Amino acid sequence: MEPIASFVESLQGLAKSSQEFVSGVIRRREGSARRRPIEILKRLQREAFSDIMKLRDRQDKVERVLSFYKTSKDSPFQEASTHVRGEVDVLGGLLKINNVDQQDYGPFSGAGIRTGIDTKFTFETTVREKDVLAAQFIASQRGREHADGFLESPPLSLAKVFYKAHLSDWFSVMAVPVGAQCRDVGVISSCFHQGKGLTESSCSGPPLINHHSGSAIGLTVRKSNIAASFGHCVSGLRRHIGSHEIEQLFSTFGQVVCQIPGKTELSLLGVSTEGYASSGSVALMLESELDEDIRLGAWMEMKRSNPKRVEWAVSLSNDCNDEPGWGLSLGGTSEGQSRWDRFQAETYIKFNVGKKFNLRPGILHVVDGNAKLTAFMLRSNWSF
């Protein structure tokens, strides 16, 4: 019995050792399977950390270079870069004319209808943080026509050079060596008189602020709710019409602006020109914001040569933002209390096509003496 008992014990020991061997092999496989994803994650974490450190080193190098240029006297970042703005303005219309002959062109000249294409490029640079140096180039077909009646295509030419220095918060000086207008040395609102109407008469303000005078210098003083500007303009040499004399015109411009409570500005403007034949004008201008979007503008101008003759215009618009808008303008010329030489009315609706392009279809009606003019106008503007 002993040999049998020993044989059974040997079998039991062999079975137990075999079970332990198999269990150990299974546990090692399970452990290695569990350790493999952890090792992969650790390896990916090490690689990601290495990439992040390399990017951080590159960022530090770039920041050191930029800080060096900013603190250097010859830094290109000391002055702001030159900004270039472009604008293409197109005006066309279908006219219906009554009682107009070759000797009566009042509706055309007085209404300010200038069909054609205007292209403007403005280069503006900031100097000494607050000063502005600007140059404007213009190519315009408006008002240019050959004897055969075809429009002339002028090249792009320098129209204006402007420099404004802000010496303090309340005092600034301007110099315009080329293409000066009285508006360049005046205090003109940023939203009003921006060419938003259909004709020059409705969107340019009093004629005296658009008077071209060649070269000009001026200064502006601001204090509380009052601003005043003064300028002196000099035109180039030219031969006077009807004589052989050479003349050079000298013009003096002044403006006083008073800000009234309720977002309203009242301006008194005047210009006096001395030359072969002295002339001058005085104008009163009102600008008001009725609410956040609606603007009211009105002006009247009288000339020294004929004080009884008054040019005037009143406009109401919702056209100072990027949303669809509208505009209405009434204006004309009167002499005395009962005599109306010219009356003009226009209205338009503005549609935006994208952020930089808009269309303004509208209707214009002009009565000048016995002549009448009705036109469907379409103005488009693209800025870039």
Protein backbone atom coordinates (compact mmCIF):
# COMPACT_ATOMS: atom_id res chain seq x y z
CA MET A 1 0.00 0.00 0.00
CA GLU A 2 2.92 2.29 0.63
CA PRO A 3 4.07 2.31 -3.01
CA ILE A 4 0.54 3.18 -4.12
CA ALA A 5 0.24 5.94 -1.50
CA SER A 6 3.58 7.43 -2.52
CA PHE A 7 2.59 7.31 -6.20
CA VAL A 8 -0.68 9.16 -5.44
CA GLU A 9 1.19 11.81 -3.47
CA SER A 10 3.61 12.24 -6.38
CA LEU A 11 0.71 12.79 -8.77
CA GLN A 12 -0.86 15.35 -6.42
CA GLY A 13 2.44 17.24 -6.13
CA LEU A 14 2.87 17.21 -9.90
CA ALA A 15 -0.68 18.53 -10.40
CA LYS A 16 -0.17 21.29 -7.81
CA SER A 17 3.13 22.39 -9.31
CA SER A 18 1.59 22.35 -12.80
CA GLN A 19 -1.30 24.54 -11.55
CA GLU A 20 1.10 26.98 -9.95
CA PHE A 21 3.16 27.17 -13.17
CA VAL A 22 0.10 27.83 -15.35
CA SER A 23 -1.26 30.44 -12.89
CA GLY A 24 2.10 32.24 -12.88
CA VAL A 25 2.25 32.33 -16.68
CA ILE A 26 -1.30 33.76 -16.87
CA ARG A 27 -0.56 36.41 -14.22
CA ARG A 28 2.61 37.55 -16.06
CA ARG A 29 0.69 37.91 -19.33
CA GLU A 30 -2.09 39.91 -17.65
CA GLY A 31 0.45 42.18 -15.94
CA SER A 32 2.34 42.88 -19.14
CA ALA A 33 -0.97 43.61 -20.93
CA ARG A 34 -1.90 46.10 -18.22
CA ARG A 35 1.52 47.78 -18.23
CA ARG A 36 1.67 48.31 -22.04
CA PRO A 37 -1.00 51.20 -22.33
CA ILE A 38 0.54 52.94 -19.34
CA GLU A 39 3.97 52.83 -20.92
CA ILE A 40 2.54 54.22 -24.20
CA LEU A 41 0.85 57.10 -22.36
CA LYS A 42 4.05 57.89 -20.49
CA ARG A 43 6.03 57.94 -23.73
CA LEU A 44 3.49 60.24 -25.44
CA GLN A 45 3.53 62.55 -22.44
CA ARG A 46 7.34 62.79 -22.58
CA GLU A 47 7.24 63.62 -26.32
CA ALA A 48 4.49 66.23 -25.90
CA PHE A 49 6.35 67.90 -23.06
CA SER A 50 9.48 68.05 -25.21
CA ASP A 51 7.57 69.71 -28.08
CA ILE A 52 5.99 72.22 -25.71
CA MET A 53 9.37 73.21 -24.32
CA LYS A 54 10.76 73.71 -27.84
CA LEU A 55 7.84 76.00 -28.74
CA ARG A 56 8.31 77.91 -25.51
CA ASP A 57 11.97 78.48 -26.32
CA ARG A 58 11.09 79.83 -29.77
CA GLN A 59 8.46 82.16 -28.28
CA ASP A 60 10.98 83.51 -25.79
CA LYS A 61 13.43 84.25 -28.62
CA VAL A 62 10.77 86.15 -30.60
CA GLU A 63 9.75 88.18 -27.53
CA ARG A 64 13.38 89.10 -26.86
CA VAL A 65 13.82 90.32 -30.46
CA LEU A 66 10.63 92.41 -30.32
CA SER A 67 11.55 93.95 -26.96
CA PHE A 68 14.98 94.86 -28.35
CA TYR A 69 13.45 96.71 -31.32
CA LYS A 70 10.89 98.49 -29.15
CA THR A 71 13.55 99.91 -26.85
CA SER A 72 15.98 100.77 -29.65
CA LYS A 73 16.14 104.37 -30.93
CA ASP A 74 16.13 103.20 -34.53
CA SER A 75 13.20 100.92 -33.97
CA PRO A 76 10.77 100.46 -36.86
CA PHE A 77 8.04 100.15 -34.23
CA GLN A 78 8.58 103.66 -32.91
CA GLU A 79 6.21 105.16 -35.53
CA ALA A 80 2.95 103.71 -36.77
CA SER A 81 2.95 102.29 -40.26
CA THR A 82 1.39 104.07 -43.22
CA HIS A 83 -2.29 103.31 -43.73
CA VAL A 84 -3.68 103.26 -47.26
CA ARG A 85 -7.37 103.88 -47.89
CA GLY A 86 -9.07 103.71 -51.24
CA GLU A 87 -12.48 104.81 -52.46
CA VAL A 88 -14.30 104.44 -55.76
CA ASP A 89 -17.43 106.57 -56.16
CA VAL A 90 -19.75 106.22 -59.17
CA LEU A 91 -22.75 108.44 -59.93
CA GLY A 92 -25.17 108.00 -62.82
CA GLY A 93 -28.67 109.11 -63.64
CA LEU A 94 -31.59 109.19 -66.04
CA LEU A 95 -32.73 112.78 -66.58
CA LYS A 96 -36.07 114.21 -67.67
CA ILE A 97 -35.77 117.87 -68.65
CA ASN A 98 -38.53 120.39 -69.33
CA ASN A 99 -38.26 123.94 -70.68
CA VAL A 100 -34.46 123.93 -71.05
CA ASP A 101 -32.72 125.38 -74.08
CA GLN A 102 -29.10 126.06 -74.95
CA GLN A 103 -29.14 129.38 -73.07
CA ASP A 104 -30.66 127.98 -69.87
CA TYR A 105 -28.47 125.51 -67.97
CA GLY A 106 -29.48 126.56 -64.46
CA PRO A 107 -30.63 123.11 -63.29
CA PHE A 108 -27.32 121.55 -64.35
CA SER A 109 -24.87 124.02 -62.81
CA GLY A 110 -26.81 124.84 -59.65
CA ALA A 111 -27.96 121.33 -58.74
CA GLY A 112 -24.43 119.98 -58.38
CA ILE A 113 -24.98 116.93 -60.60
CA ARG A 114 -21.56 115.49 -61.43
CA THR A 115 -21.96 112.10 -63.04
CA GLY A 116 -18.95 109.89 -63.60
CA ILE A 117 -16.33 108.04 -61.60
CA ASP A 118 -14.12 109.32 -58.79
CA THR A 119 -11.17 107.28 -57.54
CA LYS A 120 -9.26 108.33 -54.42
CA PHE A 121 -6.23 106.89 -52.65
CA THR A 122 -5.20 108.33 -49.30
CA PHE A 123 -1.86 107.56 -47.65
CA GLU A 124 -1.87 108.49 -43.97
CA THR A 125 1.05 108.24 -41.55
CA THR A 126 1.09 108.96 -37.83
CA VAL A 127 4.09 111.03 -36.73
CA ARG A 128 5.10 111.60 -33.11
CA GLU A 129 2.15 109.48 -31.95
CA LYS A 130 -0.48 112.23 -32.47
CA ASP A 131 0.47 114.15 -35.63
CA VAL A 132 -0.93 113.16 -39.02
CA LEU A 133 0.70 113.38 -42.45
CA ALA A 134 -1.55 112.54 -45.39
CA ALA A 135 -1.31 112.57 -49.17
CA GLN A 136 -4.31 112.08 -51.45
CA PHE A 137 -4.30 111.01 -55.09
CA ILE A 138 -7.40 111.39 -57.26
CA ALA A 139 -8.48 110.33 -60.72
CA SER A 140 -11.86 111.81 -61.65
CA GLN A 141 -13.98 111.89 -64.79
CA ARG A 142 -16.52 114.30 -63.31
CA GLY A 143 -16.59 117.66 -65.00
CA ARG A 144 -13.97 116.64 -67.62
CA GLU A 145 -15.11 116.61 -71.20
CA HIS A 146 -13.49 117.09 -74.60
CA ALA A 147 -14.88 119.39 -77.25
CA ASP A 148 -16.31 116.38 -79.07
CA GLY A 149 -18.41 115.49 -76.03
CA PHE A 150 -16.53 112.37 -74.91
CA LEU A 151 -15.37 112.04 -71.33
CA GLU A 152 -11.70 112.45 -70.64
CA SER A 153 -9.88 109.74 -68.67
CA PRO A 154 -7.37 111.63 -66.51
CA PRO A 155 -4.40 109.92 -64.90
CA LEU A 156 -4.03 109.54 -61.16
CA SER A 157 -2.63 112.83 -59.84
CA LEU A 158 -1.63 114.30 -56.50
CA ALA A 159 -4.60 116.28 -55.19
CA LYS A 160 -3.70 117.11 -51.58
CA VAL A 161 -0.86 117.04 -49.06
CA PHE A 162 -1.95 117.63 -45.47
CA TYR A 163 -0.09 117.81 -42.16
CA LYS A 164 -1.71 118.33 -38.75
CA ALA A 165 0.29 118.69 -35.53
CA HIS A 166 -1.43 118.31 -32.17
CA LEU A 167 0.74 120.49 -29.93
CA SER A 168 -1.55 119.95 -26.94
CA ASP A 169 -5.02 118.74 -26.10
CA TRP A 170 -6.50 122.16 -26.92
CA PHE A 171 -4.20 123.52 -29.64
CA SER A 172 -3.29 122.18 -33.09
CA VAL A 173 -1.84 123.60 -36.31
CA MET A 174 -2.33 122.53 -39.93
CA ALA A 175 -0.34 122.99 -43.12
CA VAL A 176 -1.64 122.13 -46.59
CA PRO A 177 0.97 122.91 -49.27
CA VAL A 178 -1.02 121.29 -52.10
CA GLY A 179 -4.77 121.19 -52.80
CA ALA A 180 -5.95 123.21 -49.82
CA GLN A 181 -9.63 123.79 -49.10
CA CYS A 182 -11.15 125.85 -46.32
CA ARG A 183 -12.50 122.65 -44.76
CA ASP A 184 -8.89 121.49 -44.23
CA VAL A 185 -8.25 124.29 -41.70
CA GLY A 186 -11.77 124.27 -40.25
CA VAL A 187 -13.65 122.25 -37.65
CA ILE A 188 -15.84 119.86 -39.62
CA SER A 189 -17.88 117.02 -38.13
CA SER A 190 -16.71 113.45 -38.84
CA CYS A 191 -20.13 112.16 -39.91
CA PHE A 192 -21.66 115.25 -41.51
CA HIS A 193 -20.52 116.39 -44.98
CA GLN A 194 -18.99 113.07 -46.02
CA GLY A 195 -20.38 112.86 -49.54
CA LYS A 196 -23.39 110.79 -48.49
CA GLY A 197 -26.01 112.51 -50.65
CA LEU A 198 -26.72 112.25 -54.35
CA THR A 199 -25.37 115.63 -55.45
CA GLU A 200 -22.63 118.01 -54.39
CA SER A 201 -25.19 120.57 -53.20
CA SER A 202 -26.65 118.19 -50.62
CA CYS A 203 -23.56 116.44 -49.31
CA SER A 204 -20.75 119.03 -49.32
CA GLY A 205 -22.06 121.70 -46.97
CA PRO A 206 -21.71 125.45 -47.61
CA PRO A 207 -19.80 126.20 -50.82
CA LEU A 208 -17.20 128.31 -48.99
CA ILE A 209 -15.74 125.34 -47.07
CA ASN A 210 -15.04 123.58 -50.39
CA HIS A 211 -13.30 126.59 -51.92
CA HIS A 212 -10.00 125.49 -53.52
CA SER A 213 -7.20 127.89 -52.66
CA GLY A 214 -3.88 126.18 -53.46
CA SER A 215 -1.91 126.31 -50.18
CA ALA A 216 -3.01 127.03 -46.63
CA ILE A 217 -1.91 127.16 -43.02
CA GLY A 218 -4.20 127.25 -40.03
CA LEU A 219 -4.68 126.65 -36.34
CA THR A 220 -7.47 125.31 -34.13
CA VAL A 221 -8.13 126.11 -30.48
CA ARG A 222 -10.54 124.07 -28.34
CA LYS A 223 -11.78 124.97 -24.89
CA SER A 224 -14.66 123.24 -23.14
CA ASN A 225 -17.65 123.40 -25.54
CA ILE A 226 -16.19 126.04 -27.89
CA ALA A 227 -13.74 125.59 -30.77
CA ALA A 228 -12.28 128.19 -33.10
CA SER A 229 -10.16 127.87 -36.22
CA PHE A 230 -8.29 130.41 -38.30
CA GLY A 231 -6.54 129.91 -41.61
CA HIS A 232 -4.79 131.80 -44.37
CA CYS A 233 -4.82 130.53 -47.96
CA VAL A 234 -2.73 131.49 -50.98
CA SER A 235 -3.56 130.55 -54.56
CA GLY A 236 -1.11 130.15 -57.39
CA LEU A 237 -0.38 132.80 -59.97
CA ARG A 238 -3.00 133.05 -62.71
CA ARG A 239 -4.15 135.47 -65.39
CA HIS A 240 -7.36 137.30 -64.61
CA ILE A 241 -10.23 136.74 -67.03
CA GLY A 242 -10.72 139.73 -69.33
CA SER A 243 -7.34 141.32 -68.67
CA HIS A 244 -3.61 140.68 -69.06
CA GLU A 245 -2.82 141.09 -65.37
CA ILE A 246 -1.36 138.29 -63.29
CA GLU A 247 -3.04 137.84 -59.93
CA GLN A 248 -2.51 135.84 -56.77
CA LEU A 249 -5.46 135.48 -54.42
CA PHE A 250 -5.11 135.62 -50.64
CA SER A 251 -7.97 134.24 -48.57
CA THR A 252 -8.59 134.40 -44.84
CA PHE A 253 -10.89 131.81 -43.28
CA GLY A 254 -12.39 131.73 -39.80
CA GLN A 255 -14.81 129.49 -37.95
CA VAL A 256 -16.30 129.44 -34.46
CA VAL A 257 -18.11 126.32 -33.26
CA CYS A 258 -20.30 126.22 -30.16
CA GLN A 259 -21.54 122.90 -28.82
CA ILE A 260 -25.06 123.19 -27.46
CA PRO A 261 -26.46 120.63 -24.98
CA GLY A 262 -28.27 117.84 -26.77
CA LYS A 263 -25.46 116.89 -29.19
CA THR A 264 -25.94 120.00 -31.31
CA GLU A 265 -23.24 122.18 -32.87
CA LEU A 266 -23.73 125.69 -34.20
CA SER A 267 -21.00 127.08 -36.46
CA LEU A 268 -20.33 130.55 -37.85
CA LEU A 269 -17.96 130.56 -40.83
CA GLY A 270 -16.52 133.28 -43.01
CA VAL A 271 -13.98 133.70 -45.80
CA SER A 272 -12.57 136.87 -47.30
CA THR A 273 -10.59 136.86 -50.55
CA GLU A 274 -8.30 139.68 -51.65
CA GLY A 275 -7.02 139.93 -55.20
CA TYR A 276 -7.94 141.52 -58.51
CA ALA A 277 -11.57 141.49 -57.41
CA SER A 278 -12.22 141.12 -53.69
CA SER A 279 -14.96 138.78 -52.56
CA GLY A 280 -16.17 137.03 -49.46
CA SER A 281 -18.86 134.86 -47.93
CA VAL A 282 -20.36 134.17 -44.54
CA ALA A 283 -22.24 131.00 -43.55
CA LEU A 284 -24.16 129.59 -40.62
CA MET A 285 -24.20 125.83 -40.10
CA LEU A 286 -26.18 123.62 -37.71
CA GLU A 287 -25.45 119.96 -36.99
CA SER A 288 -27.47 117.86 -34.58
CA GLU A 289 -27.89 114.21 -33.54
CA LEU A 290 -31.59 113.56 -32.98
CA ASP A 291 -30.79 110.07 -31.68
CA GLU A 292 -28.06 107.46 -32.10
CA ASP A 293 -28.63 107.11 -35.85
CA ILE A 294 -30.54 110.13 -37.21
CA ARG A 295 -28.61 113.29 -38.13
CA LEU A 296 -30.00 116.73 -38.90
CA GLY A 297 -27.95 119.27 -40.83
CA ALA A 298 -28.73 122.76 -42.07
CA TRP A 299 -26.72 125.63 -43.51
CA MET A 300 -27.14 128.98 -45.22
CA GLU A 301 -24.57 131.15 -46.98
CA MET A 302 -24.52 134.76 -48.16
CA LYS A 303 -21.95 136.38 -50.45
CA ARG A 304 -20.54 139.86 -50.05
CA SER A 305 -21.25 140.69 -53.70
CA ASN A 306 -25.01 140.11 -53.26
CA PRO A 307 -26.11 139.87 -49.60
CA LYS A 308 -29.76 139.41 -50.55
CA ARG A 309 -29.03 136.17 -52.40
CA VAL A 310 -28.99 133.24 -49.96
CA GLU A 311 -28.01 129.64 -50.62
CA TRP A 312 -29.40 127.13 -48.15
CA ALA A 313 -29.94 123.41 -47.53
CA VAL A 314 -31.58 121.20 -44.91
CA SER A 315 -30.87 117.47 -44.68
CA LEU A 316 -32.12 114.60 -42.55
CA SER A 317 -30.39 111.24 -42.77
CA ASN A 318 -29.87 107.90 -41.12
CA ASP A 319 -26.65 107.08 -42.92
CA CYS A 320 -23.76 107.15 -40.45
CA ASN A 321 -23.41 103.41 -39.80
CA ASP A 322 -23.01 100.16 -41.71
CA GLU A 323 -26.72 99.31 -41.65
CA PRO A 324 -29.26 100.16 -44.39
CA GLY A 325 -30.25 103.82 -44.24
CA TRP A 326 -31.98 106.71 -45.95
CA GLY A 327 -31.59 110.42 -46.60
CA LEU A 328 -33.70 113.46 -47.45
CA SER A 329 -32.46 116.89 -48.52
CA LEU A 330 -34.09 120.21 -49.44
CA GLY A 331 -32.17 123.20 -50.71
CA GLY A 332 -31.99 126.06 -53.10
CA THR A 333 -31.25 129.71 -53.71
CA SER A 334 -33.52 132.57 -52.83
CA GLU A 335 -33.33 136.34 -53.26
CA GLY A 336 -35.64 138.33 -51.06
CA GLN A 337 -38.64 136.99 -49.17
CA SER A 338 -40.78 135.94 -52.12
CA ARG A 339 -38.37 135.15 -54.96
CA TRP A 340 -37.03 131.62 -55.30
CA ASP A 341 -34.35 131.29 -57.97
CA ARG A 342 -33.83 127.58 -57.50
CA PHE A 343 -35.43 124.84 -55.43
CA GLN A 344 -34.01 121.34 -55.17
CA ALA A 345 -35.28 118.20 -53.42
CA GLU A 346 -33.73 114.76 -53.30
CA THR A 347 -34.22 111.53 -51.42
CA TYR A 348 -32.45 108.17 -51.46
CA ILE A 349 -32.27 104.78 -49.80
CA LYS A 350 -28.97 103.13 -48.93
CA PHE A 351 -28.35 99.40 -49.31
CA ASN A 352 -25.18 97.68 -48.11
CA VAL A 353 -23.57 94.94 -50.18
CA GLY A 354 -20.99 93.50 -47.83
CA LYS A 355 -19.04 95.72 -45.44
CA LYS A 356 -17.36 98.07 -47.92
CA PHE A 357 -19.81 98.51 -50.79
CA ASN A 358 -23.16 100.32 -50.83
CA LEU A 359 -25.79 101.47 -53.32
CA ARG A 360 -27.92 104.62 -53.08
CA PRO A 361 -30.82 104.78 -55.54
CA GLY A 362 -32.78 108.00 -55.30
CA ILE A 363 -34.87 110.69 -56.96
CA LEU A 364 -33.85 114.29 -57.64
CA HIS A 365 -36.14 117.17 -58.61
CA VAL A 366 -34.92 120.69 -59.45
CA VAL A 367 -36.92 123.81 -60.33
CA ASP A 368 -34.84 126.72 -61.62
CA GLY A 369 -36.94 129.50 -63.07
CA ASN A 370 -38.99 128.01 -65.89
CA ALA A 371 -36.70 124.99 -66.24
CA LYS A 372 -37.48 121.74 -64.47
CA LEU A 373 -35.37 118.66 -64.06
CA THR A 374 -36.36 115.27 -62.65
CA ALA A 375 -33.84 112.47 -62.42
CA PHE A 376 -33.52 108.94 -61.16
CA MET A 377 -30.03 108.78 -59.64
CA LEU A 378 -27.90 105.81 -58.64
CA ARG A 379 -24.77 106.31 -56.56
CA SER A 380 -22.44 103.52 -55.52
CA ASN A 381 -19.45 103.69 -53.21
CA TRP A 382 -16.74 101.14 -52.58
CA SER A 383 -14.11 101.73 -49.91
CA PHE A 384 -11.11 99.53 -49.21
